[in-house]
Amino acid sequence: MTVAERQLLKTKIIEKITETKRKIGLLEETSKPISPENSIGRVSRMDAINNKGVSDAALRNAKRQLNSLELASTKVDEPTFGNCANCKKMIQSARLMFMPQSALCVRCAR
């Protein structure tokens, strides 16, 4: 990986971290508990509980992604960064630009 590619990847990681933190903030708002005092009706309450469950799952995924991105940001300067953890070959640059936290190449991820 060239110095320019590594710098571009660092920028992409920082952008993704910022985007993910914003997303987590929004998801935390929609994941708040549904108060039983609200008189929204039985069906509406069931919908609200279902939507909360979906938001909770999305929030967990976003937090997991943030942890992976932060780890990637600490390792991006290491010479082995961008190598597949399984086969040790270089991960395709397009995959790293799309998912900078990727530890596996496309073939090994399958």
PDB file of N, CA and C in Angstrom:
ATOM      1  N   MET A   1       0.852  -1.171   0.000  1.00  0.00           N
ATOM      2  CA  MET A   1       0.000   0.000   0.000  1.00  0.00           C
ATOM      3  C   MET A   1       0.902   1.239   0.000  1.00  0.00           C
ATOM      4  N   THR A   2       0.621   2.161  -0.915  1.00  0.00           N
ATOM      5  CA  THR A   2       1.439   3.362  -1.019  1.00  0.00           C
ATOM      6  C   THR A   2       1.077   4.351   0.088  1.00  0.00           C
ATOM      7  N   VAL A   3       1.927   5.349   0.263  1.00  0.00           N
ATOM      8  CA  VAL A   3       1.702   6.372   1.279  1.00  0.00           C
ATOM      9  C   VAL A   3       0.425   7.146   0.958  1.00  0.00           C
ATOM     10  N   ALA A   4       0.210   7.456  -0.324  1.00  0.00           N
ATOM     11  CA  ALA A   4      -0.992   8.196  -0.737  1.00  0.00           C
ATOM     12  C   ALA A   4      -2.262   7.377  -0.466  1.00  0.00           C
ATOM     13  N   GLU A   5      -2.215   6.082  -0.764  1.00  0.00           N
ATOM     14  CA  GLU A   5      -3.374   5.215  -0.505  1.00  0.00           C
ATOM     15  C   GLU A   5      -3.655   5.128   0.997  1.00  0.00           C
ATOM     16  N   ARG A   6      -2.598   5.034   1.774  1.00  0.00           N
ATOM     17  CA  ARG A   6      -2.745   4.949   3.231  1.00  0.00           C
ATOM     18  C   ARG A   6      -3.354   6.243   3.780  1.00  0.00           C
ATOM     19  N   GLN A   7      -2.924   7.395   3.257  1.00  0.00           N
ATOM     20  CA  GLN A   7      -3.449   8.683   3.705  1.00  0.00           C
ATOM     21  C   GLN A   7      -4.919   8.819   3.313  1.00  0.00           C
ATOM     22  N   LEU A   8      -5.262   8.383   2.111  1.00  0.00           N
ATOM     23  CA  LEU A   8      -6.651   8.411   1.652  1.00  0.00           C
ATOM     24  C   LEU A   8      -7.515   7.514   2.540  1.00  0.00           C
ATOM     25  N   LEU A   9      -6.974   6.391   2.908  1.00  0.00           N
ATOM     26  CA  LEU A   9      -7.691   5.458   3.776  1.00  0.00           C
ATOM     27  C   LEU A   9      -7.883   6.046   5.179  1.00  0.00           C
ATOM     28  N   LYS A  10      -6.880   6.739   5.691  1.00  0.00           N
ATOM     29  CA  LYS A  10      -7.016   7.404   6.995  1.00  0.00           C
ATOM     30  C   LYS A  10      -8.157   8.414   6.960  1.00  0.00           C
ATOM     31  N   THR A  11      -8.209   9.192   5.886  1.00  0.00           N
ATOM     32  CA  THR A  11      -9.276  10.185   5.734  1.00  0.00           C
ATOM     33  C   THR A  11     -10.634   9.507   5.686  1.00  0.00           C
ATOM     34  N   LYS A  12     -10.723   8.416   4.963  1.00  0.00           N
ATOM     35  CA  LYS A  12     -11.981   7.670   4.843  1.00  0.00           C
ATOM     36  C   LYS A  12     -12.405   7.116   6.201  1.00  0.00           C
ATOM     37  N   ILE A  13     -11.465   6.604   6.971  1.00  0.00           N
ATOM     38  CA  ILE A  13     -11.768   6.064   8.302  1.00  0.00           C
ATOM     39  C   ILE A  13     -12.314   7.167   9.204  1.00  0.00           C
ATOM     40  N   ILE A  14     -11.679   8.334   9.183  1.00  0.00           N
ATOM     41  CA  ILE A  14     -12.143   9.454  10.010  1.00  0.00           C
ATOM     42  C   ILE A  14     -13.555   9.871   9.604  1.00  0.00           C
ATOM     43  N   GLU A  15     -13.814   9.924   8.296  1.00  0.00           N
ATOM     44  CA  GLU A  15     -15.160  10.263   7.812  1.00  0.00           C
ATOM     45  C   GLU A  15     -16.190   9.238   8.293  1.00  0.00           C
ATOM     46  N   LYS A  16     -15.840   7.965   8.195  1.00  0.00           N
ATOM     47  CA  LYS A  16     -16.761   6.903   8.614  1.00  0.00           C
ATOM     48  C   LYS A  16     -17.000   6.952  10.123  1.00  0.00           C
ATOM     49  N   ILE A  17     -15.966   7.249  10.906  1.00  0.00           N
ATOM     50  CA  ILE A  17     -16.130   7.350  12.358  1.00  0.00           C
ATOM     51  C   ILE A  17     -17.099   8.481  12.685  1.00  0.00           C
ATOM     52  N   THR A  18     -16.917   9.630  12.050  1.00  0.00           N
ATOM     53  CA  THR A  18     -17.799  10.781  12.277  1.00  0.00           C
ATOM     54  C   THR A  18     -19.234  10.441  11.890  1.00  0.00           C
ATOM     55  N   GLU A  19     -19.394   9.817  10.737  1.00  0.00           N
ATOM     56  CA  GLU A  19     -20.725   9.426  10.255  1.00  0.00           C
ATOM     57  C   GLU A  19     -21.380   8.414  11.198  1.00  0.00           C
ATOM     58  N   THR A  20     -20.610   7.456  11.676  1.00  0.00           N
ATOM     59  CA  THR A  20     -21.146   6.427  12.560  1.00  0.00           C
ATOM     60  C   THR A  20     -21.532   7.010  13.921  1.00  0.00           C
ATOM     61  N   LYS A  21     -20.743   7.946  14.434  1.00  0.00           N
ATOM     62  CA  LYS A  21     -21.089   8.591  15.704  1.00  0.00           C
ATOM     63  C   LYS A  21     -22.394   9.375  15.578  1.00  0.00           C
ATOM     64  N   ARG A  22     -22.583  10.053  14.440  1.00  0.00           N
ATOM     65  CA  ARG A  22     -23.827  10.785  14.204  1.00  0.00           C
ATOM     66  C   ARG A  22     -25.001   9.818  14.142  1.00  0.00           C
ATOM     67  N   LYS A  23     -24.792   8.708  13.461  1.00  0.00           N
ATOM     68  CA  LYS A  23     -25.835   7.686  13.336  1.00  0.00           C
ATOM     69  C   LYS A  23     -26.191   7.105  14.707  1.00  0.00           C
ATOM     70  N   ILE A  24     -25.196   6.861  15.542  1.00  0.00           N
ATOM     71  CA  ILE A  24     -25.435   6.331  16.886  1.00  0.00           C
ATOM     72  C   ILE A  24     -26.272   7.313  17.697  1.00  0.00           C
ATOM     73  N   GLY A  25     -25.968   8.600  17.586  1.00  0.00           N
ATOM     74  CA  GLY A  25     -26.750   9.609  18.290  1.00  0.00           C
ATOM     75  C   GLY A  25     -28.214   9.582  17.893  1.00  0.00           C
ATOM     76  N   LEU A  26     -28.476   9.458  16.606  1.00  0.00           N
ATOM     77  CA  LEU A  26     -29.863   9.390  16.128  1.00  0.00           C
ATOM     78  C   LEU A  26     -30.548   8.107  16.595  1.00  0.00           C
ATOM     79  N   LEU A  27     -29.829   7.008  16.544  1.00  0.00           N
ATOM     80  CA  LEU A  27     -30.408   5.721  16.946  1.00  0.00           C
ATOM     81  C   LEU A  27     -30.671   5.666  18.450  1.00  0.00           C
ATOM     82  N   GLU A  28     -29.840   6.323  19.224  1.00  0.00           N
ATOM     83  CA  GLU A  28     -30.071   6.348  20.672  1.00  0.00           C
ATOM     84  C   GLU A  28     -31.375   7.075  20.994  1.00  0.00           C
ATOM     85  N   GLU A  29     -31.705   8.078  20.201  1.00  0.00           N
ATOM     86  CA  GLU A  29     -32.965   8.797  20.397  1.00  0.00           C
ATOM     87  C   GLU A  29     -34.169   7.892  20.097  1.00  0.00           C
ATOM     88  N   THR A  30     -34.076   7.086  19.054  1.00  0.00           N
ATOM     89  CA  THR A  30     -35.204   6.222  18.686  1.00  0.00           C
ATOM     90  C   THR A  30     -35.242   4.935  19.498  1.00  0.00           C
ATOM     91  N   SER A  31     -34.192   4.675  20.279  1.00  0.00           N
ATOM     92  CA  SER A  31     -34.135   3.452  21.077  1.00  0.00           C
ATOM     93  C   SER A  31     -34.548   3.673  22.529  1.00  0.00           C
ATOM     94  N   LYS A  32     -35.039   4.850  22.827  1.00  0.00           N
ATOM     95  CA  LYS A  32     -35.457   5.116  24.204  1.00  0.00           C
ATOM     96  C   LYS A  32     -36.672   4.256  24.548  1.00  0.00           C
ATOM     97  N   PRO A  33     -36.805   3.891  25.813  1.00  0.00           N
ATOM     98  CA  PRO A  33     -37.951   3.059  26.228  1.00  0.00           C
ATOM     99  C   PRO A  33     -39.289   3.741  25.947  1.00  0.00           C
ATOM    100  N   ILE A  34     -40.292   2.935  25.661  1.00  0.00           N
ATOM    101  CA  ILE A  34     -41.644   3.435  25.439  1.00  0.00           C
ATOM    102  C   ILE A  34     -42.342   3.502  26.786  1.00  0.00           C
ATOM    103  N   SER A  35     -42.753   4.682  27.150  1.00  0.00           N
ATOM    104  CA  SER A  35     -43.392   4.886  28.438  1.00  0.00           C
ATOM    105  C   SER A  35     -44.782   4.256  28.461  1.00  0.00           C
ATOM    106  N   PRO A  36     -45.116   3.487  29.503  1.00  0.00           N
ATOM    107  CA  PRO A  36     -46.445   2.858  29.569  1.00  0.00           C
ATOM    108  C   PRO A  36     -47.564   3.872  29.814  1.00  0.00           C
ATOM    109  N   GLU A  37     -47.202   5.079  30.234  1.00  0.00           N
ATOM    110  CA  GLU A  37     -48.223   6.090  30.495  1.00  0.00           C
ATOM    111  C   GLU A  37     -48.793   6.685  29.207  1.00  0.00           C
ATOM    112  N   ASN A  38     -48.045   6.565  28.116  1.00  0.00           N
ATOM    113  CA  ASN A  38     -48.516   7.139  26.858  1.00  0.00           C
ATOM    114  C   ASN A  38     -49.761   6.396  26.383  1.00  0.00           C
ATOM    115  N   SER A  39     -50.795   7.149  26.115  1.00  0.00           N
ATOM    116  CA  SER A  39     -52.034   6.526  25.634  1.00  0.00           C
ATOM    117  C   SER A  39     -52.038   6.562  24.110  1.00  0.00           C
ATOM    118  N   ILE A  40     -51.285   5.643  23.521  1.00  0.00           N
ATOM    119  CA  ILE A  40     -51.163   5.632  22.068  1.00  0.00           C
ATOM    120  C   ILE A  40     -51.951   4.488  21.441  1.00  0.00           C
ATOM    121  N   GLY A  41     -52.629   3.723  22.223  1.00  0.00           N
ATOM    122  CA  GLY A  41     -53.398   2.609  21.679  1.00  0.00           C
ATOM    123  C   GLY A  41     -52.577   1.344  21.632  1.00  0.00           C
ATOM    124  N   ARG A  42     -53.267   0.224  21.685  1.00  0.00           N
ATOM    125  CA  ARG A  42     -52.602  -1.077  21.757  1.00  0.00           C
ATOM    126  C   ARG A  42     -51.783  -1.380  20.503  1.00  0.00           C
ATOM    127  N   VAL A  43     -52.388  -1.193  19.330  1.00  0.00           N
ATOM    128  CA  VAL A  43     -51.684  -1.502  18.080  1.00  0.00           C
ATOM    129  C   VAL A  43     -50.515  -0.539  17.878  1.00  0.00           C
ATOM    130  N   SER A  44     -50.733   0.735  18.168  1.00  0.00           N
ATOM    131  CA  SER A  44     -49.660   1.716  18.026  1.00  0.00           C
ATOM    132  C   SER A  44     -48.515   1.416  18.989  1.00  0.00           C
ATOM    133  N   ARG A  45     -48.849   0.965  20.202  1.00  0.00           N
ATOM    134  CA  ARG A  45     -47.820   0.611  21.170  1.00  0.00           C
ATOM    135  C   ARG A  45     -47.017  -0.591  20.657  1.00  0.00           C
ATOM    136  N   MET A  46     -47.695  -1.561  20.058  1.00  0.00           N
ATOM    137  CA  MET A  46     -46.997  -2.726  19.508  1.00  0.00           C
ATOM    138  C   MET A  46     -46.065  -2.292  18.374  1.00  0.00           C
ATOM    139  N   ASP A  47     -46.531  -1.374  17.535  1.00  0.00           N
ATOM    140  CA  ASP A  47     -45.672  -0.848  16.467  1.00  0.00           C
ATOM    141  C   ASP A  47     -44.464  -0.119  17.050  1.00  0.00           C
ATOM    142  N   ALA A  48     -44.696   0.685  18.088  1.00  0.00           N
ATOM    143  CA  ALA A  48     -43.613   1.434  18.712  1.00  0.00           C
ATOM    144  C   ALA A  48     -42.585   0.483  19.331  1.00  0.00           C
ATOM    145  N   ILE A  49     -43.051  -0.584  19.956  1.00  0.00           N
ATOM    146  CA  ILE A  49     -42.142  -1.571  20.555  1.00  0.00           C
ATOM    147  C   ILE A  49     -41.349  -2.284  19.467  1.00  0.00           C
ATOM    148  N   ASN A  50     -42.016  -2.631  18.377  1.00  0.00           N
ATOM    149  CA  ASN A  50     -41.326  -3.272  17.254  1.00  0.00           C
ATOM    150  C   ASN A  50     -40.273  -2.333  16.668  1.00  0.00           C
ATOM    151  N   ASN A  51     -40.628  -1.070  16.459  1.00  0.00           N
ATOM    152  CA  ASN A  51     -39.678  -0.099  15.917  1.00  0.00           C
ATOM    153  C   ASN A  51     -38.498   0.097  16.853  1.00  0.00           C
ATOM    154  N   LYS A  52     -38.755   0.076  18.154  1.00  0.00           N
ATOM    155  CA  LYS A  52     -37.676   0.196  19.129  1.00  0.00           C
ATOM    156  C   LYS A  52     -36.717  -0.991  19.015  1.00  0.00           C
ATOM    157  N   GLY A  53     -37.279  -2.180  18.819  1.00  0.00           N
ATOM    158  CA  GLY A  53     -36.443  -3.370  18.658  1.00  0.00           C
ATOM    159  C   GLY A  53     -35.548  -3.270  17.432  1.00  0.00           C
ATOM    160  N   VAL A  54     -36.095  -2.761  16.345  1.00  0.00           N
ATOM    161  CA  VAL A  54     -35.310  -2.574  15.121  1.00  0.00           C
ATOM    162  C   VAL A  54     -34.214  -1.534  15.371  1.00  0.00           C
ATOM    163  N   SER A  55     -34.566  -0.448  16.051  1.00  0.00           N
ATOM    164  CA  SER A  55     -33.583   0.594  16.362  1.00  0.00           C
ATOM    165  C   SER A  55     -32.498   0.066  17.282  1.00  0.00           C
ATOM    166  N   ASP A  56     -32.875  -0.758  18.254  1.00  0.00           N
ATOM    167  CA  ASP A  56     -31.888  -1.348  19.164  1.00  0.00           C
ATOM    168  C   ASP A  56     -30.869  -2.199  18.397  1.00  0.00           C
ATOM    169  N   ALA A  57     -31.356  -3.005  17.461  1.00  0.00           N
ATOM    170  CA  ALA A  57     -30.461  -3.847  16.661  1.00  0.00           C
ATOM    171  C   ALA A  57     -29.535  -2.991  15.802  1.00  0.00           C
ATOM    172  N   ALA A  58     -30.086  -1.950  15.197  1.00  0.00           N
ATOM    173  CA  ALA A  58     -29.269  -1.053  14.377  1.00  0.00           C
ATOM    174  C   ALA A  58     -28.238  -0.333  15.237  1.00  0.00           C
ATOM    175  N   LEU A  59     -28.615   0.031  16.448  1.00  0.00           N
ATOM    176  CA  LEU A  59     -27.692   0.703  17.366  1.00  0.00           C
ATOM    177  C   LEU A  59     -26.535  -0.222  17.750  1.00  0.00           C
ATOM    178  N   ARG A  60     -26.847  -1.466  18.049  1.00  0.00           N
ATOM    179  CA  ARG A  60     -25.781  -2.437  18.377  1.00  0.00           C
ATOM    180  C   ARG A  60     -24.814  -2.592  17.206  1.00  0.00           C
ATOM    181  N   ASN A  61     -25.356  -2.695  15.983  1.00  0.00           N
ATOM    182  CA  ASN A  61     -24.505  -2.832  14.792  1.00  0.00           C
ATOM    183  C   ASN A  61     -23.639  -1.595  14.590  1.00  0.00           C
ATOM    184  N   ALA A  62     -24.217  -0.412  14.797  1.00  0.00           N
ATOM    185  CA  ALA A  62     -23.465   0.831  14.617  1.00  0.00           C
ATOM    186  C   ALA A  62     -22.347   0.937  15.652  1.00  0.00           C
ATOM    187  N   LYS A  63     -22.605   0.538  16.886  1.00  0.00           N
ATOM    188  CA  LYS A  63     -21.569   0.570  17.928  1.00  0.00           C
ATOM    189  C   LYS A  63     -20.459  -0.422  17.613  1.00  0.00           C
ATOM    190  N   ARG A  64     -20.835  -1.578  17.098  1.00  0.00           N
ATOM    191  CA  ARG A  64     -19.830  -2.584  16.708  1.00  0.00           C
ATOM    192  C   ARG A  64     -18.963  -2.036  15.562  1.00  0.00           C
ATOM    193  N   GLN A  65     -19.615  -1.368  14.598  1.00  0.00           N
ATOM    194  CA  GLN A  65     -18.880  -0.789  13.479  1.00  0.00           C
ATOM    195  C   GLN A  65     -17.942   0.319  13.965  1.00  0.00           C
ATOM    196  N   LEU A  66     -18.410   1.143  14.893  1.00  0.00           N
ATOM    197  CA  LEU A  66     -17.572   2.217  15.433  1.00  0.00           C
ATOM    198  C   LEU A  66     -16.329   1.643  16.114  1.00  0.00           C
ATOM    199  N   ASN A  67     -16.510   0.591  16.895  1.00  0.00           N
ATOM    200  CA  ASN A  67     -15.354  -0.049  17.548  1.00  0.00           C
ATOM    201  C   ASN A  67     -14.355  -0.561  16.518  1.00  0.00           C
ATOM    202  N   SER A  68     -14.867  -1.178  15.453  1.00  0.00           N
ATOM    203  CA  SER A  68     -13.986  -1.697  14.398  1.00  0.00           C
ATOM    204  C   SER A  68     -13.257  -0.566  13.676  1.00  0.00           C
ATOM    205  N   LEU A  69     -13.965   0.523  13.407  1.00  0.00           N
ATOM    206  CA  LEU A  69     -13.346   1.667  12.737  1.00  0.00           C
ATOM    207  C   LEU A  69     -12.274   2.315  13.612  1.00  0.00           C
ATOM    208  N   GLU A  70     -12.558   2.442  14.900  1.00  0.00           N
ATOM    209  CA  GLU A  70     -11.564   3.025  15.805  1.00  0.00           C
ATOM    210  C   GLU A  70     -10.329   2.143  15.909  1.00  0.00           C
ATOM    211  N   LEU A  71     -10.530   0.832  15.909  1.00  0.00           N
ATOM    212  CA  LEU A  71      -9.389  -0.091  15.909  1.00  0.00           C
ATOM    213  C   LEU A  71      -8.592   0.056  14.611  1.00  0.00           C
ATOM    214  N   ALA A  72      -9.297   0.151  13.488  1.00  0.00           N
ATOM    215  CA  ALA A  72      -8.626   0.320  12.197  1.00  0.00           C
ATOM    216  C   ALA A  72      -7.820   1.621  12.172  1.00  0.00           C
ATOM    217  N   SER A  73      -8.355   2.670  12.791  1.00  0.00           N
ATOM    218  CA  SER A  73      -7.639   3.950  12.786  1.00  0.00           C
ATOM    219  C   SER A  73      -6.324   3.868  13.553  1.00  0.00           C
ATOM    220  N   THR A  74      -6.253   2.985  14.539  1.00  0.00           N
ATOM    221  CA  THR A  74      -5.003   2.831  15.298  1.00  0.00           C
ATOM    222  C   THR A  74      -3.998   1.946  14.572  1.00  0.00           C
ATOM    223  N   LYS A  75      -4.482   1.120  13.649  1.00  0.00           N
ATOM    224  CA  LYS A  75      -3.601   0.163  12.978  1.00  0.00           C
ATOM    225  C   LYS A  75      -3.252   0.544  11.544  1.00  0.00           C
ATOM    226  N   VAL A  76      -3.819   1.626  11.041  1.00  0.00           N
ATOM    227  CA  VAL A  76      -3.649   1.970   9.628  1.00  0.00           C
ATOM    228  C   VAL A  76      -2.192   2.236   9.257  1.00  0.00           C
ATOM    229  N   ASP A  77      -1.370   2.642  10.190  1.00  0.00           N
ATOM    230  CA  ASP A  77       0.038   2.917   9.896  1.00  0.00           C
ATOM    231  C   ASP A  77       0.933   1.689  10.001  1.00  0.00           C
ATOM    232  N   GLU A  78       0.390   0.593  10.486  1.00  0.00           N
ATOM    233  CA  GLU A  78       1.183  -0.633  10.594  1.00  0.00           C
ATOM    234  C   GLU A  78       1.417  -1.223   9.200  1.00  0.00           C
ATOM    235  N   PRO A  79       2.578  -1.802   8.962  1.00  0.00           N
ATOM    236  CA  PRO A  79       2.881  -2.347   7.635  1.00  0.00           C
ATOM    237  C   PRO A  79       1.953  -3.488   7.212  1.00  0.00           C
ATOM    238  N   THR A  80       1.382  -4.195   8.176  1.00  0.00           N
ATOM    239  CA  THR A  80       0.513  -5.324   7.830  1.00  0.00           C
ATOM    240  C   THR A  80      -0.944  -4.907   7.647  1.00  0.00           C
ATOM    241  N   PHE A  81      -1.255  -3.609   7.881  1.00  0.00           N
ATOM    242  CA  PHE A  81      -2.637  -3.163   7.707  1.00  0.00           C
ATOM    243  C   PHE A  81      -3.030  -3.326   6.243  1.00  0.00           C
ATOM    244  N   GLY A  82      -4.205  -3.889   6.030  1.00  0.00           N
ATOM    245  CA  GLY A  82      -4.690  -4.131   4.672  1.00  0.00           C
ATOM    246  C   GLY A  82      -4.432  -5.546   4.206  1.00  0.00           C
ATOM    247  N   ASN A  83      -3.728  -6.322   5.017  1.00  0.00           N
ATOM    248  CA  ASN A  83      -3.529  -7.730   4.694  1.00  0.00           C
ATOM    249  C   ASN A  83      -4.651  -8.543   5.324  1.00  0.00           C
ATOM    250  N   CYS A  84      -5.121  -9.538   4.601  1.00  0.00           N
ATOM    251  CA  CYS A  84      -6.193 -10.404   5.093  1.00  0.00           C
ATOM    252  C   CYS A  84      -5.698 -11.173   6.325  1.00  0.00           C
ATOM    253  N   ALA A  85      -6.511 -11.205   7.350  1.00  0.00           N
ATOM    254  CA  ALA A  85      -6.147 -11.909   8.582  1.00  0.00           C
ATOM    255  C   ALA A  85      -6.091 -13.416   8.371  1.00  0.00           C
ATOM    256  N   ASN A  86      -6.750 -13.900   7.329  1.00  0.00           N
ATOM    257  CA  ASN A  86      -6.807 -15.339   7.087  1.00  0.00           C
ATOM    258  C   ASN A  86      -5.719 -15.796   6.106  1.00  0.00           C
ATOM    259  N   CYS A  87      -5.750 -15.263   4.889  1.00  0.00           N
ATOM    260  CA  CYS A  87      -4.823 -15.743   3.850  1.00  0.00           C
ATOM    261  C   CYS A  87      -3.564 -14.888   3.729  1.00  0.00           C
ATOM    262  N   LYS A  88      -3.519 -13.751   4.418  1.00  0.00           N
ATOM    263  CA  LYS A  88      -2.374 -12.840   4.475  1.00  0.00           C
ATOM    264  C   LYS A  88      -2.118 -12.082   3.168  1.00  0.00           C
ATOM    265  N   LYS A  89      -3.001 -12.239   2.157  1.00  0.00           N
ATOM    266  CA  LYS A  89      -2.867 -11.476   0.914  1.00  0.00           C
ATOM    267  C   LYS A  89      -3.456 -10.088   1.118  1.00  0.00           C
ATOM    268  N   MET A  90      -3.082  -9.164   0.258  1.00  0.00           N
ATOM    269  CA  MET A  90      -3.566  -7.789   0.356  1.00  0.00           C
ATOM    270  C   MET A  90      -5.063  -7.738   0.055  1.00  0.00           C
ATOM    271  N   ILE A  91      -5.817  -7.057   0.919  1.00  0.00           N
ATOM    272  CA  ILE A  91      -7.255  -6.853   0.691  1.00  0.00           C
ATOM    273  C   ILE A  91      -7.395  -5.836  -0.427  1.00  0.00           C
ATOM    274  N   GLN A  92      -8.360  -6.053  -1.313  1.00  0.00           N
ATOM    275  CA  GLN A  92      -8.569  -5.161  -2.446  1.00  0.00           C
ATOM    276  C   GLN A  92      -8.822  -3.741  -1.946  1.00  0.00           C
ATOM    277  N   SER A  93      -8.226  -2.767  -2.632  1.00  0.00           N
ATOM    278  CA  SER A  93      -8.343  -1.372  -2.188  1.00  0.00           C
ATOM    279  C   SER A  93      -9.786  -0.885  -2.231  1.00  0.00           C
ATOM    280  N   ALA A  94     -10.582  -1.356  -3.185  1.00  0.00           N
ATOM    281  CA  ALA A  94     -11.990  -0.950  -3.260  1.00  0.00           C
ATOM    282  C   ALA A  94     -12.738  -1.423  -2.014  1.00  0.00           C
ATOM    283  N   ARG A  95     -12.427  -2.623  -1.544  1.00  0.00           N
ATOM    284  CA  ARG A  95     -13.073  -3.137  -0.325  1.00  0.00           C
ATOM    285  C   ARG A  95     -12.663  -2.300   0.888  1.00  0.00           C
ATOM    286  N   LEU A  96     -11.386  -1.954   0.968  1.00  0.00           N
ATOM    287  CA  LEU A  96     -10.925  -1.141   2.095  1.00  0.00           C
ATOM    288  C   LEU A  96     -11.532   0.261   2.071  1.00  0.00           C
ATOM    289  N   MET A  97     -11.745   0.813   0.889  1.00  0.00           N
ATOM    290  CA  MET A  97     -12.362   2.135   0.808  1.00  0.00           C
ATOM    291  C   MET A  97     -13.836   2.068   1.212  1.00  0.00           C
ATOM    292  N   PHE A  98     -14.499   0.970   0.889  1.00  0.00           N
ATOM    293  CA  PHE A  98     -15.909   0.813   1.241  1.00  0.00           C
ATOM    294  C   PHE A  98     -16.072   0.425   2.705  1.00  0.00           C
ATOM    295  N   MET A  99     -15.229  -0.480   3.163  1.00  0.00           N
ATOM    296  CA  MET A  99     -15.273  -0.970   4.543  1.00  0.00           C
ATOM    297  C   MET A  99     -13.851  -0.944   5.110  1.00  0.00           C
ATOM    298  N   PRO A 100     -13.384   0.228   5.557  1.00  0.00           N
ATOM    299  CA  PRO A 100     -11.994   0.330   6.019  1.00  0.00           C
ATOM    300  C   PRO A 100     -11.667  -0.572   7.207  1.00  0.00           C
ATOM    301  N   GLN A 101     -12.684  -1.031   7.915  1.00  0.00           N
ATOM    302  CA  GLN A 101     -12.458  -1.893   9.076  1.00  0.00           C
ATOM    303  C   GLN A 101     -12.329  -3.365   8.690  1.00  0.00           C
ATOM    304  N   SER A 102     -12.369  -3.667   7.398  1.00  0.00           N
ATOM    305  CA  SER A 102     -12.303  -5.059   6.941  1.00  0.00           C
ATOM    306  C   SER A 102     -10.989  -5.711   7.342  1.00  0.00           C
ATOM    307  N   ALA A 103     -11.097  -6.886   7.921  1.00  0.00           N
ATOM    308  CA  ALA A 103      -9.904  -7.654   8.283  1.00  0.00           C
ATOM    309  C   ALA A 103      -9.711  -8.829   7.334  1.00  0.00           C
ATOM    310  N   LEU A 104     -10.729  -9.112   6.510  1.00  0.00           N
ATOM    311  CA  LEU A 104     -10.683 -10.245   5.585  1.00  0.00           C
ATOM    312  C   LEU A 104     -10.901  -9.777   4.160  1.00  0.00           C
ATOM    313  N   CYS A 105     -10.254 -10.448   3.220  1.00  0.00           N
ATOM    314  CA  CYS A 105     -10.518 -10.186   1.806  1.00  0.00           C
ATOM    315  C   CYS A 105     -11.896 -10.771   1.448  1.00  0.00           C
ATOM    316  N   VAL A 106     -12.372 -10.459   0.266  1.00  0.00           N
ATOM    317  CA  VAL A 106     -13.693 -10.912  -0.148  1.00  0.00           C
ATOM    318  C   VAL A 106     -13.766 -12.436  -0.141  1.00  0.00           C
ATOM    319  N   ARG A 107     -12.735 -13.079  -0.647  1.00  0.00           N
ATOM    320  CA  ARG A 107     -12.730 -14.536  -0.748  1.00  0.00           C
ATOM    321  C   ARG A 107     -12.816 -15.190   0.641  1.00  0.00           C
ATOM    322  N   CYS A 108     -12.039 -14.705   1.584  1.00  0.00           N
ATOM    323  CA  CYS A 108     -12.041 -15.288   2.931  1.00  0.00           C
ATOM    324  C   CYS A 108     -13.289 -14.907   3.729  1.00  0.00           C
ATOM    325  N   ALA A 109     -13.878 -13.774   3.406  1.00  0.00           N
ATOM    326  CA  ALA A 109     -15.086 -13.338   4.121  1.00  0.00           C
ATOM    327  C   ALA A 109     -16.287 -14.208   3.778  1.00  0.00           C
ATOM    328  N   ARG A 110     -16.258 -14.837   2.620  1.00  0.00           N
ATOM    329  CA  ARG A 110     -17.365 -15.708   2.233  1.00  0.00           C
ATOM    330  C   ARG A 110     -17.373 -16.896   3.128  1.00  0.00           C
TER     331      ARG A 110
END
